[in-house]
Amino acid sequence: MELTNLPEGCISTILSLTSPLDVCKSSLVSTSFLSAADSDIVWESFLPSDYHDIVKKSTTHLRFCSKKELFRRLCDAVYLDCGRKMLKLEKLSGKKSYIISARDLDITWSNQSMYWNWVSLPESRFSEVASLRTTCWLEIQSKLKTKMLSEKTLYAAFLILKISDRAYGLDLTPSEVSVEVGNQITSSGTACLRRREDSIKQQMELLMFGNRTHMLAVKGDGRVPVERDDGWSEIELGEFFVDGGSNEEVKMSLKEVKGQHLKGGLIVEGIEIRPKY
């Protein structure tokens, strides 16, 4: 018997063992494949195992008449936890990614207006972002459980940021970045919050306030901001693997607490956790 002559239910079961990309390609094979590719059996297999809770907790109004439509809606992103988190599925794989807003991050002294301001920006996905006025102690952390993510997946965490025109002191000393799963550090390194070649002002800061040790440190192999398609920039904090066999806590952080010099002008939108390929 040819594969196209199988009952539609059998074809749907077979397609459910593939991927969203494979299903879209298979729908072009024949009318029987096209019909099977739209079935709830197929698309429920690509939805997160906790999709019922996601729909229930979502602050985005979700209307859908099929599991395929729900998958597409989740690929467009939905907001959770009173709009402080954003969940999105990858179209090709169905794997989860999250953006945790600045309001859900642990930012040292962010509740004190002499150090940080909470402002609204039209280009942000969230109602508020954290804007650094001045501080000598920069520490940003976030936590989540691995059960929130897709199993058997390598993830990376990224700090989403902007640098204001009046920024100062952000690159006199490299920041430390790390990712910890359970009690084990899975990734660590250093990062420069500003690209040195982007501003003459930064070079003047080094001449006025920095020293040779700082200059050598910043010229090292630390990570630097990378421009995103959404107009923001991001710095990779580290990576980790979710095996699915446990529910451990993932802790992501960026801190610069050794320099003890004043710095300001950093704007934080949040931390994104997404699959890394």
Protein backbone atom coordinates (compact mmCIF):
# COMPACT_ATOMS: atom_id res chain seq x y z
CA MET A 1 0.00 0.00 0.00
CA GLU A 2 1.27 3.46 -0.89
CA LEU A 3 1.70 5.91 1.95
CA THR A 4 -0.85 8.28 0.43
CA ASN A 5 -3.47 5.51 0.57
CA LEU A 6 -3.24 5.13 4.34
CA PRO A 7 -6.20 6.26 6.45
CA GLU A 8 -6.04 9.92 7.39
CA GLY A 9 -5.70 9.06 11.09
CA CYS A 10 -2.58 7.00 10.38
CA ILE A 11 -1.04 9.80 8.33
CA SER A 12 -1.79 12.27 11.12
CA THR A 13 -0.10 10.02 13.67
CA ILE A 14 2.98 9.72 11.46
CA LEU A 15 3.16 13.48 10.90
CA SER A 16 2.83 14.12 14.65
CA LEU A 17 6.21 12.41 15.10
CA THR A 18 7.98 14.89 12.82
CA SER A 19 8.28 18.69 13.13
CA PRO A 20 6.16 21.72 12.17
CA LEU A 21 8.44 22.32 9.18
CA ASP A 22 8.09 18.72 8.00
CA VAL A 23 4.32 18.89 8.32
CA CYS A 24 4.12 22.05 6.21
CA LYS A 25 6.22 20.38 3.51
CA SER A 26 4.21 17.15 3.68
CA SER A 27 0.94 19.00 3.15
CA LEU A 28 2.03 19.58 -0.45
CA VAL A 29 2.29 15.86 -1.21
CA SER A 30 -1.41 15.12 -1.74
CA THR A 31 -4.91 16.10 -0.65
CA SER A 32 -4.91 13.32 1.97
CA PHE A 33 -1.69 14.67 3.46
CA LEU A 34 -3.07 18.19 3.34
CA SER A 35 -6.13 17.15 5.33
CA ALA A 36 -4.07 15.13 7.82
CA ALA A 37 -1.63 18.00 8.29
CA ASP A 38 -4.41 20.21 9.66
CA SER A 39 -5.61 17.76 12.29
CA ASP A 40 -5.49 18.45 16.02
CA ILE A 41 -3.57 15.19 16.53
CA VAL A 42 -0.63 16.64 14.62
CA TRP A 43 -0.52 20.13 16.10
CA GLU A 44 -1.20 19.14 19.69
CA SER A 45 2.06 17.16 19.56
CA PHE A 46 3.91 20.41 18.75
CA LEU A 47 2.29 22.44 21.50
CA PRO A 48 4.04 22.69 24.89
CA SER A 49 2.93 20.03 27.37
CA ASP A 50 1.65 22.83 29.63
CA TYR A 51 -0.24 24.71 26.92
CA HIS A 52 -3.50 24.50 28.91
CA ASP A 53 -1.87 26.50 31.73
CA ILE A 54 -0.35 28.93 29.23
CA VAL A 55 -3.75 29.67 27.71
CA LYS A 56 -5.29 30.05 31.16
CA LYS A 57 -2.59 32.41 32.48
CA SER A 58 -2.13 34.42 29.30
CA THR A 59 -2.97 38.11 29.49
CA THR A 60 -3.15 38.09 25.68
CA HIS A 61 -6.68 37.35 24.48
CA LEU A 62 -6.33 34.03 22.68
CA ARG A 63 -9.00 33.01 20.20
CA PHE A 64 -8.52 29.78 18.28
CA CYS A 65 -10.69 27.11 16.73
CA SER A 66 -7.99 24.44 16.23
CA LYS A 67 -4.69 23.33 17.73
CA LYS A 68 -2.95 24.51 14.55
CA GLU A 69 -4.34 28.01 15.04
CA LEU A 70 -3.28 27.98 18.70
CA PHE A 71 0.24 26.98 17.64
CA ARG A 72 0.34 29.94 15.25
CA ARG A 73 -0.91 32.32 17.96
CA LEU A 74 1.80 31.15 20.35
CA CYS A 75 4.38 31.66 17.61
CA ASP A 76 3.28 35.32 17.52
CA ALA A 77 4.02 35.62 21.27
CA VAL A 78 1.73 35.90 24.28
CA TYR A 79 2.11 37.71 27.60
CA LEU A 80 2.05 35.97 30.97
CA ASP A 81 2.23 36.99 34.64
CA CYS A 82 0.35 40.28 34.29
CA GLY A 83 2.33 41.20 31.19
CA ARG A 84 5.76 40.82 32.82
CA LYS A 85 6.83 37.82 30.74
CA MET A 86 6.51 37.10 27.04
CA LEU A 87 6.35 33.53 25.69
CA LYS A 88 6.96 32.63 22.08
CA LEU A 89 7.21 29.36 20.15
CA GLU A 90 9.66 28.88 17.31
CA LYS A 91 7.77 28.21 14.09
CA LEU A 92 10.14 25.54 12.77
CA SER A 93 10.57 23.52 15.93
CA GLY A 94 7.86 24.51 18.42
CA LYS A 95 10.48 25.16 21.12
CA LYS A 96 9.79 27.77 23.78
CA SER A 97 11.54 31.06 24.31
CA TYR A 98 10.86 33.68 26.99
CA ILE A 99 11.57 37.34 27.56
CA ILE A 100 11.49 38.29 31.24
CA SER A 101 10.75 42.00 31.64
CA ALA A 102 12.96 44.30 33.71
CA ARG A 103 10.20 44.45 36.35
CA ASP A 104 10.64 40.71 36.95
CA LEU A 105 14.44 40.96 37.24
CA ASP A 106 16.35 41.36 40.47
CA ILE A 107 18.18 44.67 39.90
CA THR A 108 20.08 46.02 42.89
CA TRP A 109 18.60 49.31 44.18
CA SER A 110 16.07 49.47 41.30
CA ASN A 111 13.37 50.54 43.78
CA GLN A 112 15.33 53.65 44.76
CA SER A 113 14.77 56.60 42.42
CA MET A 114 18.17 58.15 43.09
CA TYR A 115 19.72 55.14 41.34
CA TRP A 116 17.15 53.84 38.83
CA ASN A 117 14.07 55.22 37.07
CA TRP A 118 11.19 53.21 35.66
CA VAL A 119 10.12 54.70 32.33
CA SER A 120 7.95 53.82 29.33
CA LEU A 121 9.46 53.55 25.86
CA PRO A 122 7.34 53.17 22.72
CA GLU A 123 9.83 50.68 21.24
CA SER A 124 9.64 48.34 24.23
CA ARG A 125 7.52 45.18 24.41
CA PHE A 126 6.70 45.96 28.04
CA SER A 127 5.01 48.84 29.82
CA GLU A 128 8.18 49.78 31.74
CA VAL A 129 11.93 49.52 31.37
CA ALA A 130 14.66 50.22 33.93
CA SER A 131 16.82 53.28 33.27
CA LEU A 132 20.03 53.65 35.26
CA ARG A 133 20.62 57.14 36.64
CA THR A 134 23.81 56.46 38.55
CA THR A 135 25.30 53.67 40.67
CA CYS A 136 28.61 52.22 41.74
CA TRP A 137 27.14 48.73 42.14
CA LEU A 138 25.58 47.17 39.02
CA GLU A 139 23.98 43.77 39.53
CA ILE A 140 21.18 42.28 37.43
CA GLN A 141 19.85 38.75 38.03
CA SER A 142 16.97 36.56 36.97
CA LYS A 143 15.75 33.06 37.79
CA LEU A 144 13.41 30.51 36.24
CA LYS A 145 12.73 26.79 36.43
CA THR A 146 13.81 24.42 33.67
CA LYS A 147 10.28 22.95 33.50
CA MET A 148 9.20 26.21 31.85
CA LEU A 149 11.45 25.43 28.87
CA SER A 150 11.58 22.80 26.13
CA GLU A 151 13.30 19.50 26.87
CA LYS A 152 16.47 18.29 25.16
CA THR A 153 17.35 21.83 24.14
CA LEU A 154 20.44 24.01 24.40
CA TYR A 155 19.43 27.49 25.59
CA ALA A 156 21.23 30.82 25.85
CA ALA A 157 20.33 33.85 27.97
CA PHE A 158 20.68 37.43 26.69
CA LEU A 159 20.41 40.78 28.44
CA ILE A 160 18.35 43.15 26.24
CA LEU A 161 19.56 46.73 26.58
CA LYS A 162 20.08 50.19 25.16
CA ILE A 163 22.73 52.79 25.95
CA SER A 164 21.57 56.40 26.27
CA ASP A 165 23.42 59.35 24.73
CA ARG A 166 24.41 60.55 28.20
CA ALA A 167 25.87 57.22 29.35
CA TYR A 168 29.11 57.23 31.31
CA GLY A 169 31.36 54.82 33.19
CA LEU A 170 29.80 51.68 31.75
CA ASP A 171 32.98 50.26 30.27
CA LEU A 172 35.72 51.32 32.63
CA THR A 173 35.63 47.81 34.11
CA PRO A 174 34.27 44.68 32.36
CA SER A 175 31.11 43.16 33.79
CA GLU A 176 30.96 39.55 34.90
CA VAL A 177 28.30 37.37 33.26
CA SER A 178 27.26 33.86 34.24
CA VAL A 179 24.57 31.19 34.08
CA GLU A 180 24.08 28.70 36.91
CA VAL A 181 21.85 25.61 36.87
CA GLY A 182 21.19 24.14 40.29
CA ASN A 183 24.47 24.58 42.11
CA GLN A 184 26.63 24.32 39.02
CA ILE A 185 27.93 27.22 36.93
CA THR A 186 27.42 26.18 33.31
CA SER A 187 28.81 29.33 31.69
CA SER A 188 30.79 32.41 32.75
CA GLY A 189 32.80 35.22 31.20
CA THR A 190 33.14 38.98 30.92
CA ALA A 191 31.22 41.55 28.92
CA CYS A 192 31.66 45.17 27.87
CA LEU A 193 28.41 47.11 27.97
CA ARG A 194 29.55 49.47 25.20
CA ARG A 195 31.53 48.92 22.01
CA ARG A 196 34.75 50.86 22.39
CA GLU A 197 34.95 51.82 18.72
CA ASP A 198 31.47 53.36 18.77
CA SER A 199 32.28 56.50 20.70
CA ILE A 200 35.14 58.97 21.12
CA LYS A 201 33.57 59.89 24.45
CA GLN A 202 34.37 56.44 25.79
CA GLN A 203 38.03 56.87 24.90
CA MET A 204 38.08 60.21 26.74
CA GLU A 205 36.56 58.53 29.79
CA LEU A 206 39.41 56.05 29.88
CA LEU A 207 41.98 58.83 29.65
CA MET A 208 40.30 60.84 32.39
CA PHE A 209 39.09 58.17 34.80
CA GLY A 210 40.52 54.83 33.77
CA ASN A 211 43.95 53.33 34.23
CA ARG A 212 46.14 50.93 32.30
CA THR A 213 44.68 47.91 34.08
CA HIS A 214 41.16 48.89 33.05
CA MET A 215 42.24 49.51 29.47
CA LEU A 216 43.89 46.11 29.18
CA ALA A 217 40.87 44.40 30.75
CA VAL A 218 38.38 46.03 28.39
CA LYS A 219 40.49 45.10 25.37
CA GLY A 220 40.23 41.44 26.33
CA ASP A 221 37.92 38.84 24.83
CA GLY A 222 34.82 40.00 26.69
CA ARG A 223 31.43 39.90 25.00
CA VAL A 224 30.04 43.09 23.51
CA PRO A 225 26.50 44.23 22.64
CA VAL A 226 25.08 42.91 19.38
CA GLU A 227 22.32 44.78 17.56
CA ARG A 228 18.97 43.02 17.29
CA ASP A 229 16.37 43.32 14.55
CA ASP A 230 13.97 44.99 17.02
CA GLY A 231 16.19 48.05 17.55
CA TRP A 232 17.60 46.90 20.89
CA SER A 233 20.99 45.33 21.60
CA GLU A 234 21.82 42.16 23.49
CA ILE A 235 24.72 40.64 25.41
CA GLU A 236 24.92 36.88 25.87
CA LEU A 237 25.07 35.96 29.55
CA GLY A 238 25.74 32.26 28.93
CA GLU A 239 24.19 28.97 27.88
CA PHE A 240 22.77 25.84 29.47
CA PHE A 241 21.16 22.56 28.45
CA VAL A 242 17.69 21.41 29.49
CA ASP A 243 17.59 17.62 29.54
CA GLY A 244 14.04 17.33 30.83
CA GLY A 245 14.89 14.88 33.58
CA SER A 246 14.60 17.38 36.44
CA ASN A 247 13.20 20.76 37.41
CA GLU A 248 16.20 22.85 38.42
CA GLU A 249 16.55 26.57 38.96
CA VAL A 250 18.44 28.56 36.33
CA LYS A 251 20.11 31.72 37.56
CA MET A 252 21.39 34.31 35.06
CA SER A 253 23.38 37.36 36.04
CA LEU A 254 25.45 40.36 34.99
CA LYS A 255 27.35 42.33 37.59
CA GLU A 256 30.08 44.92 37.91
CA VAL A 257 30.80 45.49 41.57
CA LYS A 258 34.60 45.69 41.69
CA GLY A 259 35.23 49.00 39.98
CA GLN A 260 33.34 51.06 42.57
CA HIS A 261 33.10 53.95 40.10
CA LEU A 262 29.90 55.75 39.12
CA LYS A 263 28.14 54.72 35.94
CA GLY A 264 24.85 55.57 34.30
CA GLY A 265 22.87 55.57 31.06
CA LEU A 266 22.07 51.85 30.84
CA ILE A 267 18.49 51.00 29.82
CA VAL A 268 17.33 47.43 30.54
CA GLU A 269 14.28 45.90 28.87
CA GLY A 270 14.73 42.36 30.15
CA ILE A 271 16.44 39.00 29.70
CA GLU A 272 15.63 36.66 26.83
CA ILE A 273 16.05 32.90 27.07
CA ARG A 274 15.93 31.23 23.67
CA PRO A 275 17.16 28.05 21.94
CA LYS A 276 20.70 28.25 20.64
CA TYR A 277 21.76 26.52 17.45
